């Protein structure tokens, strides 16, 4: 029982660390494009997600779910689907907050990135990085 708890806590720790790194990359790509490139936030956001996807997948594959036994190709396809779905929720929520919220684009993006993380963890653990023999 203690071993399973330790494994879960270690996995959650890595998920938070990798997710924080990926979210920081996403956030800073968007801010860089908006502030220095003059991009609109909703146009910069997909590029931020795409760059962060690489950080997220490889970090989770090598650290968070390293002992799952999932094949890298299968895990990458599944994680891409999860990440793209999460991004669709991200972009929709971000657009809504930008249009109707009384907060700046940076805070809105931060709120959305944190909110989507729980869904991503659950789906990654239960499906993307789960070993299957088919």
Protein backbone atom coordinates (compact mmCIF):
# COMPACT_ATOMS: atom_id res chain seq x y z
CA UNK A 1 0.00 0.00 0.00
CA UNK A 2 2.76 2.47 0.93
CA UNK A 3 4.65 1.57 -2.24
CA UNK A 4 1.61 2.31 -4.43
CA UNK A 5 1.11 5.62 -2.64
CA UNK A 6 4.77 6.52 -3.14
CA UNK A 7 4.51 5.65 -6.84
CA UNK A 8 1.40 7.80 -7.22
CA UNK A 9 2.96 10.73 -5.39
CA UNK A 10 6.16 10.46 -7.43
CA UNK A 11 4.11 10.31 -10.66
CA UNK A 12 2.06 13.35 -9.60
CA UNK A 13 5.26 15.21 -8.74
CA UNK A 14 6.74 14.53 -12.15
CA UNK A 15 3.43 15.41 -13.82
CA UNK A 16 3.39 18.77 -12.07
CA UNK A 17 7.07 19.43 -12.88
CA UNK A 18 6.77 18.48 -16.56
CA UNK A 19 3.40 20.19 -16.89
CA UNK A 20 4.77 23.35 -15.30
CA UNK A 21 7.72 23.34 -17.70
CA UNK A 22 5.43 22.80 -20.69
CA UNK A 23 2.97 25.46 -19.49
CA UNK A 24 5.86 27.90 -19.00
CA UNK A 25 7.08 27.23 -22.54
CA UNK A 26 3.52 27.68 -23.87
CA UNK A 27 3.03 30.88 -21.87
CA UNK A 28 6.36 32.45 -22.83
CA UNK A 29 6.02 31.61 -26.53
CA UNK A 30 2.62 33.36 -26.54
CA UNK A 31 3.91 36.38 -24.61
CA UNK A 32 7.01 36.63 -26.81
CA UNK A 33 4.93 36.54 -30.00
CA UNK A 34 2.41 39.06 -28.66
CA UNK A 35 4.88 41.49 -27.09
CA UNK A 36 7.68 41.41 -29.65
CA UNK A 37 5.98 40.12 -32.77
CA UNK A 38 2.72 42.00 -32.52
CA UNK A 39 0.66 38.80 -32.85
CA UNK A 40 -2.87 38.65 -31.51
CA UNK A 41 -3.07 36.35 -28.44
CA UNK A 42 -5.48 33.86 -30.04
CA UNK A 43 -3.23 33.57 -33.08
CA UNK A 44 -0.08 33.09 -30.97
CA UNK A 45 -1.71 30.51 -28.69
CA UNK A 46 -1.65 27.55 -31.16
CA UNK A 47 2.08 28.00 -31.75
CA UNK A 48 2.64 28.12 -28.00
CA UNK A 49 0.72 24.85 -27.65
CA UNK A 50 2.65 23.18 -30.45
CA UNK A 51 6.04 24.02 -28.96
CA UNK A 52 4.86 22.98 -25.49
CA UNK A 53 3.53 19.66 -26.83
CA UNK A 54 7.07 18.43 -27.50
CA UNK A 55 8.20 19.38 -24.00
CA UNK A 56 5.14 17.76 -22.48
CA UNK A 57 5.17 14.48 -24.39
CA UNK A 58 8.85 13.72 -23.99
CA UNK A 59 8.87 14.80 -20.35
CA UNK A 60 5.88 12.65 -19.49
CA UNK A 61 7.14 9.69 -21.52
CA UNK A 62 10.61 9.79 -19.94
CA UNK A 63 9.72 10.91 -16.41
CA UNK A 64 6.07 10.83 -15.38
CA UNK A 65 5.03 7.55 -17.01
CA UNK A 66 8.48 6.03 -17.66
CA UNK A 67 7.59 2.63 -16.25
CA UNK A 68 4.22 2.26 -17.93
CA UNK A 69 5.50 -0.04 -20.68
CA UNK A 70 3.61 1.90 -23.35
CA UNK A 71 5.17 1.88 -26.81
CA UNK A 72 6.38 5.35 -27.78
CA UNK A 73 4.48 5.51 -31.09
CA UNK A 74 1.18 4.47 -29.57
CA UNK A 75 1.68 6.75 -26.58
CA UNK A 76 2.57 9.67 -28.87
CA UNK A 77 -0.58 9.25 -30.97
CA UNK A 78 -2.78 8.94 -27.91
CA UNK A 79 -1.13 11.83 -26.11
CA UNK A 80 -1.46 14.00 -29.22
CA UNK A 81 -5.20 13.31 -29.25
CA UNK A 82 -5.48 14.15 -25.55
CA UNK A 83 -3.33 17.24 -25.94
CA UNK A 84 -5.24 18.45 -29.01
CA UNK A 85 -8.55 17.95 -27.20
CA UNK A 86 -7.15 19.82 -24.21
CA UNK A 87 -5.97 22.56 -26.53
CA UNK A 88 -9.45 22.86 -28.09
CA UNK A 89 -10.84 23.35 -24.58
CA UNK A 90 -7.96 25.74 -23.89
CA UNK A 91 -8.56 27.86 -26.99
CA UNK A 92 -12.34 27.99 -26.49
CA UNK A 93 -11.99 28.92 -22.83
CA UNK A 94 -9.25 31.43 -23.62
CA UNK A 95 -11.36 33.10 -26.32
CA UNK A 96 -14.30 33.29 -23.90
CA UNK A 97 -12.19 34.83 -21.14
CA UNK A 98 -10.64 37.31 -23.55
CA UNK A 99 -14.03 38.34 -24.90
CA UNK A 100 -16.02 38.46 -21.67
CA UNK A 101 -13.55 38.45 -18.80
CA UNK A 102 -12.22 41.55 -17.20
CA UNK A 103 -8.69 40.17 -16.90
CA UNK A 104 -5.60 40.55 -19.08
CA UNK A 105 -4.56 38.01 -21.68
CA UNK A 106 -1.67 36.73 -19.55
CA UNK A 107 -3.79 35.95 -16.50
CA UNK A 108 -6.52 34.45 -18.70
CA UNK A 109 -3.97 32.14 -20.33
CA UNK A 110 -2.57 31.10 -16.95
CA UNK A 111 -6.03 30.24 -15.63
CA UNK A 112 -6.85 28.18 -18.71
CA UNK A 113 -3.53 26.28 -18.67
CA UNK A 114 -4.00 25.24 -15.06
CA UNK A 115 -7.63 24.23 -15.58
CA UNK A 116 -6.85 21.88 -18.49
CA UNK A 117 -3.99 20.14 -16.63
CA UNK A 118 -6.20 17.89 -14.47
CA UNK A 119 -8.01 16.48 -17.50
CA UNK A 120 -4.70 15.85 -19.23
CA UNK A 121 -3.27 13.95 -16.26
CA UNK A 122 -6.30 11.71 -15.90
CA UNK A 123 -6.49 10.86 -19.60
CA UNK A 124 -2.72 10.36 -19.88
CA UNK A 125 -2.59 8.00 -16.93
CA UNK A 126 -5.71 6.07 -17.90
CA UNK A 127 -5.14 5.86 -21.64
CA UNK A 128 -2.19 7.55 -23.40
CA UNK A 129 0.60 5.92 -21.43
CA UNK A 130 -1.24 2.73 -20.55
CA UNK A 131 0.37 -0.39 -21.95
CA UNK A 132 -1.79 -2.35 -24.32
CA UNK A 133 -0.84 -5.36 -26.36
CA UNK A 134 -3.05 -4.46 -29.31
